Amino acid sequence: KQMRAERDRRAAILTAEGVKQSQILEAEGARQAAILQAEGYAKAAVLRAEGEGQAITTVFKAIHDGKPDPELLAYQYLLTLPKIAEGESSKLWIIPSEFTEALNSISGGFLGKKGAPGA
C-alpha cells in the first residue's frame, strides 16, 4: 500500500508539472504572438506614414514646380472643401486668409476689375 501511495503521489506530481509546463508554454506562445502582432501593426503604421509623407512631398514639389497663381490655389481649395465636409470631425473650419484673397481675385476676373463688384 505504501509503495502504491508513493507511486500515486509521484504520478500526481508529474501530472502537475506537465500541466504547469503546458500552461507556461501556452502563455509564452501567446505573449510572443501578441508581440509579433504589435510589431506588425507598428511597422504597417510607419510604412503608411512614410507613404503618405512621400505623396505629400511629391504633390508639394509638383505644385511648386508648376508655380501656381492664387486663382489656381483658390480653385484647388474649392475642390477640397466638400471632401473636408465629409469628415465626421469637421465641426470647425479654419480657412486661410489667402483663400479669401484668391476668391476676391477670381471674382474680380469674372466681374471685370479685381475685387470691384459690378465694375
PDB file of N, CA and C in Angstrom:
ATOM      1  N   LYS A   1       0.806  -1.202   0.000  1.00  0.00           N
ATOM      2  CA  LYS A   1       0.000   0.000   0.000  1.00  0.00           C
ATOM      3  C   LYS A   1       0.847   1.263   0.000  1.00  0.00           C
ATOM      4  N   GLN A   2       1.879   1.225   0.767  1.00  0.00           N
ATOM      5  CA  GLN A   2       2.742   2.407   0.867  1.00  0.00           C
ATOM      6  C   GLN A   2       3.429   2.683  -0.468  1.00  0.00           C
ATOM      7  N   MET A   3       3.868   1.631  -1.162  1.00  0.00           N
ATOM      8  CA  MET A   3       4.527   1.810  -2.467  1.00  0.00           C
ATOM      9  C   MET A   3       3.532   2.373  -3.487  1.00  0.00           C
ATOM     10  N   ARG A   4       2.316   1.871  -3.394  1.00  0.00           N
ATOM     11  CA  ARG A   4       1.308   2.360  -4.339  1.00  0.00           C
ATOM     12  C   ARG A   4       0.998   3.836  -4.058  1.00  0.00           C
ATOM     13  N   ALA A   5       0.907   4.209  -2.829  1.00  0.00           N
ATOM     14  CA  ALA A   5       0.647   5.599  -2.460  1.00  0.00           C
ATOM     15  C   ALA A   5       1.786   6.485  -2.938  1.00  0.00           C
ATOM     16  N   GLU A   6       3.008   6.001  -2.798  1.00  0.00           N
ATOM     17  CA  GLU A   6       4.178   6.770  -3.268  1.00  0.00           C
ATOM     18  C   GLU A   6       4.135   6.933  -4.786  1.00  0.00           C
ATOM     19  N   ARG A   7       3.772   5.847  -5.503  1.00  0.00           N
ATOM     20  CA  ARG A   7       3.664   5.930  -6.968  1.00  0.00           C
ATOM     21  C   ARG A   7       2.568   6.918  -7.371  1.00  0.00           C
ATOM     22  N   ASP A   8       1.446   6.859  -6.697  1.00  0.00           N
ATOM     23  CA  ASP A   8       0.344   7.780  -6.995  1.00  0.00           C
ATOM     24  C   ASP A   8       0.760   9.234  -6.736  1.00  0.00           C
ATOM     25  N   ARG A   9       1.505   9.418  -5.637  1.00  0.00           N
ATOM     26  CA  ARG A   9       1.978  10.761  -5.307  1.00  0.00           C
ATOM     27  C   ARG A   9       2.919  11.273  -6.389  1.00  0.00           C
ATOM     28  N   ARG A  10       3.861  10.441  -6.820  1.00  0.00           N
ATOM     29  CA  ARG A  10       4.808  10.828  -7.880  1.00  0.00           C
ATOM     30  C   ARG A  10       4.069  11.082  -9.192  1.00  0.00           C
ATOM     31  N   ALA A  11       3.085  10.259  -9.496  1.00  0.00           N
ATOM     32  CA  ALA A  11       2.301  10.445 -10.725  1.00  0.00           C
ATOM     33  C   ALA A  11       1.553  11.777 -10.671  1.00  0.00           C
ATOM     34  N   ALA A  12       1.002  12.112  -9.528  1.00  0.00           N
ATOM     35  CA  ALA A  12       0.286  13.382  -9.378  1.00  0.00           C
ATOM     36  C   ALA A  12       1.245  14.553  -9.543  1.00  0.00           C
ATOM     37  N   ILE A  13       2.454  14.418  -8.972  1.00  0.00           N
ATOM     38  CA  ILE A  13       3.467  15.476  -9.107  1.00  0.00           C
ATOM     39  C   ILE A  13       3.861  15.638 -10.569  1.00  0.00           C
ATOM     40  N   LEU A  14       4.108  14.524 -11.252  1.00  0.00           N
ATOM     41  CA  LEU A  14       4.490  14.587 -12.669  1.00  0.00           C
ATOM     42  C   LEU A  14       3.361  15.190 -13.513  1.00  0.00           C
ATOM     43  N   THR A  15       2.134  14.812 -13.208  1.00  0.00           N
ATOM     44  CA  THR A  15       0.995  15.374 -13.941  1.00  0.00           C
ATOM     45  C   THR A  15       0.907  16.881 -13.707  1.00  0.00           C
ATOM     46  N   ALA A  16       1.071  17.296 -12.464  1.00  0.00           N
ATOM     47  CA  ALA A  16       1.019  18.726 -12.142  1.00  0.00           C
ATOM     48  C   ALA A  16       2.141  19.480 -12.842  1.00  0.00           C
ATOM     49  N   GLU A  17       3.339  18.904 -12.847  1.00  0.00           N
ATOM     50  CA  GLU A  17       4.471  19.531 -13.549  1.00  0.00           C
ATOM     51  C   GLU A  17       4.182  19.645 -15.044  1.00  0.00           C
ATOM     52  N   GLY A  18       3.588  18.597 -15.621  1.00  0.00           N
ATOM     53  CA  GLY A  18       3.245  18.626 -17.043  1.00  0.00           C
ATOM     54  C   GLY A  18       2.225  19.707 -17.356  1.00  0.00           C
ATOM     55  N   VAL A  19       1.204  19.828 -16.508  1.00  0.00           N
ATOM     56  CA  VAL A  19       0.184  20.863 -16.693  1.00  0.00           C
ATOM     57  C   VAL A  19       0.824  22.240 -16.568  1.00  0.00           C
ATOM     58  N   LYS A  20       1.699  22.369 -15.568  1.00  0.00           N
ATOM     59  CA  LYS A  20       2.385  23.651 -15.352  1.00  0.00           C
ATOM     60  C   LYS A  20       3.210  24.034 -16.578  1.00  0.00           C
ATOM     61  N   GLN A  21       4.006  23.105 -17.081  1.00  0.00           N
ATOM     62  CA  GLN A  21       4.840  23.378 -18.266  1.00  0.00           C
ATOM     63  C   GLN A  21       3.976  23.713 -19.476  1.00  0.00           C
ATOM     64  N   SER A  22       2.869  22.989 -19.616  1.00  0.00           N
ATOM     65  CA  SER A  22       1.969  23.244 -20.738  1.00  0.00           C
ATOM     66  C   SER A  22       1.408  24.663 -20.667  1.00  0.00           C
ATOM     67  N   GLN A  23       0.988  25.082 -19.474  1.00  0.00           N
ATOM     68  CA  GLN A  23       0.440  26.428 -19.309  1.00  0.00           C
ATOM     69  C   GLN A  23       1.504  27.494 -19.549  1.00  0.00           C
ATOM     70  N   ILE A  24       2.727  27.220 -19.088  1.00  0.00           N
ATOM     71  CA  ILE A  24       3.832  28.166 -19.309  1.00  0.00           C
ATOM     72  C   ILE A  24       4.100  28.312 -20.804  1.00  0.00           C
ATOM     73  N   LEU A  25       4.159  27.187 -21.507  1.00  0.00           N
ATOM     74  CA  LEU A  25       4.426  27.238 -22.947  1.00  0.00           C
ATOM     75  C   LEU A  25       3.294  27.945 -23.700  1.00  0.00           C
ATOM     76  N   GLU A  26       2.049  27.694 -23.300  1.00  0.00           N
ATOM     77  CA  GLU A  26       0.920  28.378 -23.941  1.00  0.00           C
ATOM     78  C   GLU A  26       0.987  29.882 -23.698  1.00  0.00           C
ATOM     79  N   ALA A  27       1.298  30.270 -22.466  1.00  0.00           N
ATOM     80  CA  ALA A  27       1.391  31.697 -22.139  1.00  0.00           C
ATOM     81  C   ALA A  27       2.532  32.351 -22.903  1.00  0.00           C
ATOM     82  N   GLU A  28       3.661  31.668 -22.989  1.00  0.00           N
ATOM     83  CA  GLU A  28       4.811  32.208 -23.727  1.00  0.00           C
ATOM     84  C   GLU A  28       4.475  32.349 -25.211  1.00  0.00           C
ATOM     85  N   GLY A  29       3.778  31.367 -25.761  1.00  0.00           N
ATOM     86  CA  GLY A  29       3.362  31.445 -27.162  1.00  0.00           C
ATOM     87  C   GLY A  29       2.407  32.607 -27.404  1.00  0.00           C
ATOM     88  N   ALA A  30       1.448  32.790 -26.494  1.00  0.00           N
ATOM     89  CA  ALA A  30       0.504  33.903 -26.626  1.00  0.00           C
ATOM     90  C   ALA A  30       1.232  35.234 -26.512  1.00  0.00           C
ATOM     91  N   ARG A  31       2.206  35.294 -25.606  1.00  0.00           N
ATOM     92  CA  ARG A  31       2.997  36.522 -25.429  1.00  0.00           C
ATOM     93  C   ARG A  31       3.764  36.855 -26.705  1.00  0.00           C
ATOM     94  N   GLN A  32       4.433  35.859 -27.270  1.00  0.00           N
ATOM     95  CA  GLN A  32       5.197  36.085 -28.500  1.00  0.00           C
ATOM     96  C   GLN A  32       4.277  36.477 -29.654  1.00  0.00           C
ATOM     97  N   ALA A  33       3.110  35.847 -29.728  1.00  0.00           N
ATOM     98  CA  ALA A  33       2.164  36.192 -30.793  1.00  0.00           C
ATOM     99  C   ALA A  33       1.696  37.636 -30.647  1.00  0.00           C
ATOM    100  N   ALA A  34       1.410  38.057 -29.408  1.00  0.00           N
ATOM    101  CA  ALA A  34       0.966  39.436 -29.180  1.00  0.00           C
ATOM    102  C   ALA A  34       2.063  40.426 -29.544  1.00  0.00           C
ATOM    103  N   ILE A  35       3.305  40.100 -29.188  1.00  0.00           N
ATOM    104  CA  ILE A  35       4.436  40.980 -29.511  1.00  0.00           C
ATOM    105  C   ILE A  35       4.605  41.091 -31.022  1.00  0.00           C
ATOM    106  N   LEU A  36       4.578  39.957 -31.700  1.00  0.00           N
ATOM    107  CA  LEU A  36       4.744  39.972 -33.156  1.00  0.00           C
ATOM    108  C   LEU A  36       3.603  40.727 -33.837  1.00  0.00           C
ATOM    109  N   GLN A  37       2.386  40.559 -33.330  1.00  0.00           N
ATOM    110  CA  GLN A  37       1.251  41.274 -33.914  1.00  0.00           C
ATOM    111  C   GLN A  37       1.406  42.780 -33.704  1.00  0.00           C
ATOM    112  N   ALA A  38       1.811  43.180 -32.505  1.00  0.00           N
ATOM    113  CA  ALA A  38       2.005  44.610 -32.227  1.00  0.00           C
ATOM    114  C   ALA A  38       3.119  45.182 -33.095  1.00  0.00           C
ATOM    115  N   GLU A  39       4.200  44.429 -33.258  1.00  0.00           N
ATOM    116  CA  GLU A  39       5.295  44.889 -34.124  1.00  0.00           C
ATOM    117  C   GLU A  39       4.811  45.027 -35.563  1.00  0.00           C
ATOM    118  N   GLY A  40       3.972  44.095 -36.001  1.00  0.00           N
ATOM    119  CA  GLY A  40       3.416  44.174 -37.354  1.00  0.00           C
ATOM    120  C   GLY A  40       2.557  45.409 -37.542  1.00  0.00           C
ATOM    121  N   TYR A  41       1.699  45.693 -36.554  1.00  0.00           N
ATOM    122  CA  TYR A  41       0.861  46.893 -36.631  1.00  0.00           C
ATOM    123  C   TYR A  41       1.723  48.154 -36.643  1.00  0.00           C
ATOM    124  N   ALA A  42       2.757  48.163 -35.801  1.00  0.00           N
ATOM    125  CA  ALA A  42       3.629  49.341 -35.732  1.00  0.00           C
ATOM    126  C   ALA A  42       4.352  49.549 -37.061  1.00  0.00           C
ATOM    127  N   LYS A  43       4.861  48.469 -37.626  1.00  0.00           N
ATOM    128  CA  LYS A  43       5.578  48.581 -38.899  1.00  0.00           C
ATOM    129  C   LYS A  43       4.628  49.045 -40.009  1.00  0.00           C
ATOM    130  N   ALA A  44       3.406  48.525 -40.001  1.00  0.00           N
ATOM    131  CA  ALA A  44       2.425  48.943 -41.009  1.00  0.00           C
ATOM    132  C   ALA A  44       2.110  50.428 -40.869  1.00  0.00           C
ATOM    133  N   ALA A  45       1.984  50.899 -39.633  1.00  0.00           N
ATOM    134  CA  ALA A  45       1.699  52.323 -39.406  1.00  0.00           C
ATOM    135  C   ALA A  45       2.850  53.189 -39.897  1.00  0.00           C
ATOM    136  N   VAL A  46       4.077  52.748 -39.642  1.00  0.00           N
ATOM    137  CA  VAL A  46       5.252  53.504 -40.096  1.00  0.00           C
ATOM    138  C   VAL A  46       5.293  53.541 -41.619  1.00  0.00           C
ATOM    139  N   LEU A  47       5.057  52.404 -42.249  1.00  0.00           N
ATOM    140  CA  LEU A  47       5.083  52.358 -43.715  1.00  0.00           C
ATOM    141  C   LEU A  47       3.976  53.226 -44.317  1.00  0.00           C
ATOM    142  N   ARG A  48       2.779  53.205 -43.687  1.00  0.00           N
ATOM    143  CA  ARG A  48       1.699  54.068 -44.168  1.00  0.00           C
ATOM    144  C   ARG A  48       2.094  55.533 -44.057  1.00  0.00           C
ATOM    145  N   ALA A  49       2.669  55.900 -42.911  1.00  0.00           N
ATOM    146  CA  ALA A  49       3.075  57.297 -42.699  1.00  0.00           C
ATOM    147  C   ALA A  49       4.160  57.702 -43.689  1.00  0.00           C
ATOM    148  N   GLU A  50       5.117  56.807 -43.936  1.00  0.00           N
ATOM    149  CA  GLU A  50       6.174  57.119 -44.908  1.00  0.00           C
ATOM    150  C   GLU A  50       5.581  57.296 -46.302  1.00  0.00           C
ATOM    151  N   GLY A  51       4.642  56.438 -46.673  1.00  0.00           N
ATOM    152  CA  GLY A  51       3.995  56.556 -47.978  1.00  0.00           C
ATOM    153  C   GLY A  51       3.230  57.859 -48.117  1.00  0.00           C
ATOM    154  N   GLU A  52       2.490  58.222 -47.060  1.00  0.00           N
ATOM    155  CA  GLU A  52       1.758  59.488 -47.092  1.00  0.00           C
ATOM    156  C   GLU A  52       2.723  60.666 -47.154  1.00  0.00           C
ATOM    157  N   GLY A  53       3.837  60.563 -46.446  1.00  0.00           N
ATOM    158  CA  GLY A  53       4.843  61.627 -46.485  1.00  0.00           C
ATOM    159  C   GLY A  53       5.423  61.793 -47.881  1.00  0.00           C
ATOM    160  N   GLN A  54       5.709  60.668 -48.536  1.00  0.00           N
ATOM    161  CA  GLN A  54       6.233  60.738 -49.899  1.00  0.00           C
ATOM    162  C   GLN A  54       5.193  61.332 -50.847  1.00  0.00           C
ATOM    163  N   ALA A  55       3.934  60.972 -50.651  1.00  0.00           N
ATOM    164  CA  ALA A  55       2.877  61.523 -51.506  1.00  0.00           C
ATOM    165  C   ALA A  55       2.761  63.029 -51.311  1.00  0.00           C
ATOM    166  N   ILE A  56       2.810  63.473 -50.064  1.00  0.00           N
ATOM    167  CA  ILE A  56       2.734  64.909 -49.786  1.00  0.00           C
ATOM    168  C   ILE A  56       3.918  65.632 -50.406  1.00  0.00           C
ATOM    169  N   THR A  57       5.107  65.053 -50.274  1.00  0.00           N
ATOM    170  CA  THR A  57       6.305  65.663 -50.853  1.00  0.00           C
ATOM    171  C   THR A  57       6.178  65.764 -52.368  1.00  0.00           C
ATOM    172  N   THR A  58       5.675  64.710 -52.999  1.00  0.00           N
ATOM    173  CA  THR A  58       5.517  64.709 -54.452  1.00  0.00           C
ATOM    174  C   THR A  58       4.528  65.787 -54.891  1.00  0.00           C
ATOM    175  N   VAL A  59       3.404  65.875 -54.197  1.00  0.00           N
ATOM    176  CA  VAL A  59       2.403  66.892 -54.542  1.00  0.00           C
ATOM    177  C   VAL A  59       2.964  68.287 -54.300  1.00  0.00           C
ATOM    178  N   PHE A  60       3.627  68.480 -53.169  1.00  0.00           N
ATOM    179  CA  PHE A  60       4.221  69.778 -52.837  1.00  0.00           C
ATOM    180  C   PHE A  60       5.208  70.205 -53.918  1.00  0.00           C
ATOM    181  N   LYS A  61       6.067  69.273 -54.336  1.00  0.00           N
ATOM    182  CA  LYS A  61       7.067  69.582 -55.365  1.00  0.00           C
ATOM    183  C   LYS A  61       6.381  69.903 -56.692  1.00  0.00           C
ATOM    184  N   ALA A  62       5.374  69.120 -57.047  1.00  0.00           N
ATOM    185  CA  ALA A  62       4.675  69.365 -58.313  1.00  0.00           C
ATOM    186  C   ALA A  62       3.991  70.724 -58.304  1.00  0.00           C
ATOM    187  N   ILE A  63       3.398  71.078 -57.173  1.00  0.00           N
ATOM    188  CA  ILE A  63       2.730  72.378 -57.088  1.00  0.00           C
ATOM    189  C   ILE A  63       3.743  73.503 -57.242  1.00  0.00           C
ATOM    190  N   HIS A  64       4.850  73.398 -56.529  1.00  0.00           N
ATOM    191  CA  HIS A  64       5.835  74.482 -56.575  1.00  0.00           C
ATOM    192  C   HIS A  64       6.603  74.522 -57.896  1.00  0.00           C
ATOM    193  N   ASP A  65       6.795  73.367 -58.518  1.00  0.00           N
ATOM    194  CA  ASP A  65       7.436  73.361 -59.835  1.00  0.00           C
ATOM    195  C   ASP A  65       6.533  74.018 -60.874  1.00  0.00           C
ATOM    196  N   GLY A  66       5.220  73.893 -60.699  1.00  0.00           N
ATOM    197  CA  GLY A  66       4.270  74.486 -61.636  1.00  0.00           C
ATOM    198  C   GLY A  66       4.030  75.960 -61.400  1.00  0.00           C
ATOM    199  N   LYS A  67       4.559  76.506 -60.307  1.00  0.00           N
ATOM    200  CA  LYS A  67       4.407  77.916 -59.943  1.00  0.00           C
ATOM    201  C   LYS A  67       2.951  78.369 -60.093  1.00  0.00           C
ATOM    202  N   PRO A  68       2.057  77.843 -59.251  1.00  0.00           N
ATOM    203  CA  PRO A  68       0.638  78.183 -59.397  1.00  0.00           C
ATOM    204  C   PRO A  68       0.344  79.614 -58.977  1.00  0.00           C
ATOM    205  N   ASP A  69      -0.649  80.199 -59.616  1.00  0.00           N
ATOM    206  CA  ASP A  69      -1.081  81.542 -59.219  1.00  0.00           C
ATOM    207  C   ASP A  69      -2.171  81.401 -58.146  1.00  0.00           C
ATOM    208  N   PRO A  70      -2.510  82.474 -57.473  1.00  0.00           N
ATOM    209  CA  PRO A  70      -3.504  82.397 -56.391  1.00  0.00           C
ATOM    210  C   PRO A  70      -4.863  81.874 -56.851  1.00  0.00           C
ATOM    211  N   GLU A  71      -5.231  82.147 -58.093  1.00  0.00           N
ATOM    212  CA  GLU A  71      -6.519  81.683 -58.589  1.00  0.00           C
ATOM    213  C   GLU A  71      -6.564  80.158 -58.643  1.00  0.00           C
ATOM    214  N   LEU A  72      -5.476  79.548 -59.099  1.00  0.00           N
ATOM    215  CA  LEU A  72      -5.429  78.088 -59.159  1.00  0.00           C
ATOM    216  C   LEU A  72      -5.497  77.497 -57.754  1.00  0.00           C
ATOM    217  N   LEU A  73      -4.768  78.097 -56.830  1.00  0.00           N
ATOM    218  CA  LEU A  73      -4.797  77.603 -55.453  1.00  0.00           C
ATOM    219  C   LEU A  73      -6.193  77.740 -54.855  1.00  0.00           C
ATOM    220  N   ALA A  74      -6.868  78.847 -55.133  1.00  0.00           N
ATOM    221  CA  ALA A  74      -8.233  79.030 -54.628  1.00  0.00           C
ATOM    222  C   ALA A  74      -9.164  77.979 -55.218  1.00  0.00           C
ATOM    223  N   TYR A  75      -8.975  77.694 -56.495  1.00  0.00           N
ATOM    224  CA  TYR A  75      -9.788  76.665 -57.139  1.00  0.00           C
ATOM    225  C   TYR A  75      -9.548  75.311 -56.480  1.00  0.00           C
ATOM    226  N   GLN A  76      -8.294  75.006 -56.191  1.00  0.00           N
ATOM    227  CA  GLN A  76      -7.977  73.746 -55.511  1.00  0.00           C
ATOM    228  C   GLN A  76      -8.605  73.703 -54.119  1.00  0.00           C
ATOM    229  N   TYR A  77      -8.575  74.827 -53.416  1.00  0.00           N
ATOM    230  CA  TYR A  77      -9.248  74.903 -52.110  1.00  0.00           C
ATOM    231  C   TYR A  77     -10.733  74.576 -52.270  1.00  0.00           C
ATOM    232  N   LEU A  78     -11.356  75.189 -53.285  1.00  0.00           N
ATOM    233  CA  LEU A  78     -12.787  74.957 -53.504  1.00  0.00           C
ATOM    234  C   LEU A  78     -13.076  73.485 -53.768  1.00  0.00           C
ATOM    235  N   LEU A  79     -12.208  72.828 -54.517  1.00  0.00           N
ATOM    236  CA  LEU A  79     -12.401  71.408 -54.796  1.00  0.00           C
ATOM    237  C   LEU A  79     -12.233  70.561 -53.539  1.00  0.00           C
ATOM    238  N   THR A  80     -11.410  71.022 -52.617  1.00  0.00           N
ATOM    239  CA  THR A  80     -11.119  70.254 -51.408  1.00  0.00           C
ATOM    240  C   THR A  80     -12.182  70.429 -50.331  1.00  0.00           C
ATOM    241  N   LEU A  81     -12.863  71.551 -50.307  1.00  0.00           N
ATOM    242  CA  LEU A  81     -13.842  71.827 -49.245  1.00  0.00           C
ATOM    243  C   LEU A  81     -14.908  70.742 -49.086  1.00  0.00           C
ATOM    244  N   PRO A  82     -15.512  70.227 -50.156  1.00  0.00           N
ATOM    245  CA  PRO A  82     -16.512  69.160 -49.952  1.00  0.00           C
ATOM    246  C   PRO A  82     -15.914  67.912 -49.302  1.00  0.00           C
ATOM    247  N   LYS A  83     -14.670  67.609 -49.617  1.00  0.00           N
ATOM    248  CA  LYS A  83     -14.029  66.440 -49.004  1.00  0.00           C
ATOM    249  C   LYS A  83     -13.818  66.669 -47.513  1.00  0.00           C
ATOM    250  N   ILE A  84     -13.484  67.902 -47.149  1.00  0.00           N
ATOM    251  CA  ILE A  84     -13.304  68.228 -45.733  1.00  0.00           C
ATOM    252  C   ILE A  84     -14.635  68.083 -45.004  1.00  0.00           C
ATOM    253  N   ALA A  85     -15.710  68.511 -45.643  1.00  0.00           N
ATOM    254  CA  ALA A  85     -17.030  68.470 -45.013  1.00  0.00           C
ATOM    255  C   ALA A  85     -17.516  67.044 -44.788  1.00  0.00           C
ATOM    256  N   GLU A  86     -16.996  66.075 -45.539  1.00  0.00           N
ATOM    257  CA  GLU A  86     -17.419  64.684 -45.386  1.00  0.00           C
ATOM    258  C   GLU A  86     -16.938  64.075 -44.076  1.00  0.00           C
ATOM    259  N   GLY A  87     -15.870  64.599 -43.512  1.00  0.00           N
ATOM    260  CA  GLY A  87     -15.316  64.032 -42.289  1.00  0.00           C
ATOM    261  C   GLY A  87     -16.256  64.196 -41.111  1.00  0.00           C
ATOM    262  N   GLU A  88     -16.198  63.227 -40.178  1.00  0.00           N
ATOM    263  CA  GLU A  88     -17.070  63.267 -39.004  1.00  0.00           C
ATOM    264  C   GLU A  88     -16.652  64.358 -38.024  1.00  0.00           C
ATOM    265  N   SER A  89     -15.397  64.732 -38.048  1.00  0.00           N
ATOM    266  CA  SER A  89     -14.908  65.705 -37.062  1.00  0.00           C
ATOM    267  C   SER A  89     -14.806  67.111 -37.647  1.00  0.00           C
ATOM    268  N   SER A  90     -15.579  67.394 -38.672  1.00  0.00           N
ATOM    269  CA  SER A  90     -15.485  68.713 -39.312  1.00  0.00           C
ATOM    270  C   SER A  90     -16.548  69.653 -38.752  1.00  0.00           C
ATOM    271  N   LYS A  91     -16.430  69.954 -37.490  1.00  0.00           N
ATOM    272  CA  LYS A  91     -17.351  70.883 -36.841  1.00  0.00           C
ATOM    273  C   LYS A  91     -16.870  72.327 -36.991  1.00  0.00           C
ATOM    274  N   LEU A  92     -15.578  72.508 -37.098  1.00  0.00           N
ATOM    275  CA  LEU A  92     -14.993  73.841 -37.178  1.00  0.00           C
ATOM    276  C   LEU A  92     -14.026  73.868 -38.353  1.00  0.00           C
ATOM    277  N   TRP A  93     -14.187  74.859 -39.205  1.00  0.00           N
ATOM    278  CA  TRP A  93     -13.281  75.019 -40.337  1.00  0.00           C
ATOM    279  C   TRP A  93     -12.477  76.280 -40.129  1.00  0.00           C
ATOM    280  N   ILE A  94     -11.207  76.186 -40.416  1.00  0.00           N
ATOM    281  CA  ILE A  94     -10.347  77.366 -40.400  1.00  0.00           C
ATOM    282  C   ILE A  94      -9.885  77.570 -41.831  1.00  0.00           C
ATOM    283  N   ILE A  95     -10.299  78.683 -42.403  1.00  0.00           N
ATOM    284  CA  ILE A  95      -9.977  78.963 -43.806  1.00  0.00           C
ATOM    285  C   ILE A  95      -8.894  80.026 -43.834  1.00  0.00           C
ATOM    286  N   PRO A  96      -7.770  79.738 -44.498  1.00  0.00           N
ATOM    287  CA  PRO A  96      -6.678  80.708 -44.538  1.00  0.00           C
ATOM    288  C   PRO A  96      -7.082  81.995 -45.250  1.00  0.00           C
ATOM    289  N   SER A  97      -6.474  83.101 -44.851  1.00  0.00           N
ATOM    290  CA  SER A  97      -6.806  84.393 -45.454  1.00  0.00           C
ATOM    291  C   SER A  97      -6.423  84.426 -46.928  1.00  0.00           C
ATOM    292  N   GLU A  98      -5.415  83.654 -47.302  1.00  0.00           N
ATOM    293  CA  GLU A  98      -5.023  83.609 -48.714  1.00  0.00           C
ATOM    294  C   GLU A  98      -6.183  83.109 -49.573  1.00  0.00           C
ATOM    295  N   PHE A  99      -7.001  82.248 -48.992  1.00  0.00           N
ATOM    296  CA  PHE A  99      -8.133  81.697 -49.722  1.00  0.00           C
ATOM    297  C   PHE A  99      -9.127  82.796 -50.082  1.00  0.00           C
ATOM    298  N   THR A 100      -9.451  83.640 -49.113  1.00  0.00           N
ATOM    299  CA  THR A 100     -10.410  84.713 -49.402  1.00  0.00           C
ATOM    300  C   THR A 100      -9.818  85.725 -50.374  1.00  0.00           C
ATOM    301  N   GLU A 101      -8.528  85.993 -50.266  1.00  0.00           N
ATOM    302  CA  GLU A 101      -7.882  86.896 -51.225  1.00  0.00           C
ATOM    303  C   GLU A 101      -7.954  86.316 -52.631  1.00  0.00           C
ATOM    304  N   ALA A 102      -7.705  85.021 -52.739  1.00  0.00           N
ATOM    305  CA  ALA A 102      -7.754  84.388 -54.050  1.00  0.00           C
ATOM    306  C   ALA A 102      -9.179  84.393 -54.596  1.00  0.00           C
ATOM    307  N   LEU A 103     -10.159  84.172 -53.724  1.00  0.00           N
ATOM    308  CA  LEU A 103     -11.551  84.239 -54.175  1.00  0.00           C
ATOM    309  C   LEU A 103     -11.893  85.630 -54.685  1.00  0.00           C
ATOM    310  N   ASN A 104     -11.390  86.659 -54.009  1.00  0.00           N
ATOM    311  CA  ASN A 104     -11.623  88.030 -54.472  1.00  0.00           C
ATOM    312  C   ASN A 104     -11.035  88.239 -55.859  1.00  0.00           C
ATOM    313  N   SER A 105      -9.833  87.704 -56.096  1.00  0.00           N
ATOM    314  CA  SER A 105      -9.223  87.895 -57.412  1.00  0.00           C
ATOM    315  C   SER A 105      -9.961  87.090 -58.475  1.00  0.00           C
ATOM    316  N   ILE A 106     -10.481  85.917 -58.097  1.00  0.00           N
ATOM    317  CA  ILE A 106     -11.267  85.138 -59.063  1.00  0.00           C
ATOM    318  C   ILE A 106     -12.551  85.885 -59.404  1.00  0.00           C
ATOM    319  N   SER A 107     -13.248  86.349 -58.361  1.00  0.00           N
ATOM    320  CA  SER A 107     -14.493  87.071 -58.626  1.00  0.00           C
ATOM    321  C   SER A 107     -14.207  88.349 -59.401  1.00  0.00           C
ATOM    322  N   GLY A 108     -13.068  88.977 -59.147  1.00  0.00           N
ATOM    323  CA  GLY A 108     -12.690  90.166 -59.905  1.00  0.00           C
ATOM    324  C   GLY A 108     -12.505  89.839 -61.375  1.00  0.00           C
ATOM    325  N   GLY A 109     -11.982  88.668 -61.660  1.00  0.00           N
ATOM    326  CA  GLY A 109     -11.822  88.245 -63.050  1.00  0.00           C
ATOM    327  C   GLY A 109     -13.157  88.086 -63.746  1.00  0.00           C
ATOM    328  N   PHE A 110     -14.159  87.600 -63.011  1.00  0.00           N
ATOM    329  CA  PHE A 110     -15.486  87.450 -63.596  1.00  0.00           C
ATOM    330  C   PHE A 110     -16.208  88.782 -63.712  1.00  0.00           C
ATOM    331  N   LEU A 111     -15.922  89.685 -62.778  1.00  0.00           N
ATOM    332  CA  LEU A 111     -16.644  90.958 -62.746  1.00  0.00           C
ATOM    333  C   LEU A 111     -15.938  92.057 -63.531  1.00  0.00           C
ATOM    334  N   GLY A 112     -14.768  91.794 -64.006  1.00  0.00           N
ATOM    335  CA  GLY A 112     -14.086  92.771 -64.848  1.00  0.00           C
ATOM    336  C   GLY A 112     -12.925  93.450 -64.173  1.00  0.00           C
ATOM    337  N   LYS A 113     -13.032  93.822 -62.935  1.00  0.00           N
ATOM    338  CA  LYS A 113     -11.961  94.528 -62.241  1.00  0.00           C
ATOM    339  C   LYS A 113     -11.695  93.802 -60.933  1.00  0.00           C
ATOM    340  N   LYS A 114     -10.455  93.677 -60.565  1.00  0.00           N
ATOM    341  CA  LYS A 114     -10.080  92.900 -59.398  1.00  0.00           C
ATOM    342  C   LYS A 114     -10.741  93.436 -58.136  1.00  0.00           C
ATOM    343  N   GLY A 115     -11.600  92.592 -57.529  1.00  0.00           N
ATOM    344  CA  GLY A 115     -12.203  92.931 -56.252  1.00  0.00           C
ATOM    345  C   GLY A 115     -13.302  93.963 -56.315  1.00  0.00           C
ATOM    346  N   ALA A 116     -13.658  94.451 -57.487  1.00  0.00           N
ATOM    347  CA  ALA A 116     -14.674  95.504 -57.582  1.00  0.00           C
ATOM    348  C   ALA A 116     -15.949  94.923 -58.159  1.00  0.00           C
ATOM    349  N   PRO A 117     -16.971  94.718 -57.346  1.00  0.00           N
ATOM    350  CA  PRO A 117     -18.224  94.174 -57.871  1.00  0.00           C
ATOM    351  C   PRO A 117     -18.910  95.168 -58.798  1.00  0.00           C
ATOM    352  N   GLY A 118     -19.410  94.631 -59.869  1.00  0.00           N
ATOM    353  CA  GLY A 118     -20.146  95.450 -60.823  1.00  0.00           C
ATOM    354  C   GLY A 118     -19.286  96.329 -61.696  1.00  0.00           C
ATOM    355  N   ALA A 119     -17.980  96.207 -61.658  1.00  0.00           N
ATOM    356  CA  ALA A 119     -17.109  97.074 -62.454  1.00  0.00           C
ATOM    357  C   ALA A 119     -16.882  96.508 -63.824  1.00  0.00           C
TER     358      ALA A 119
END
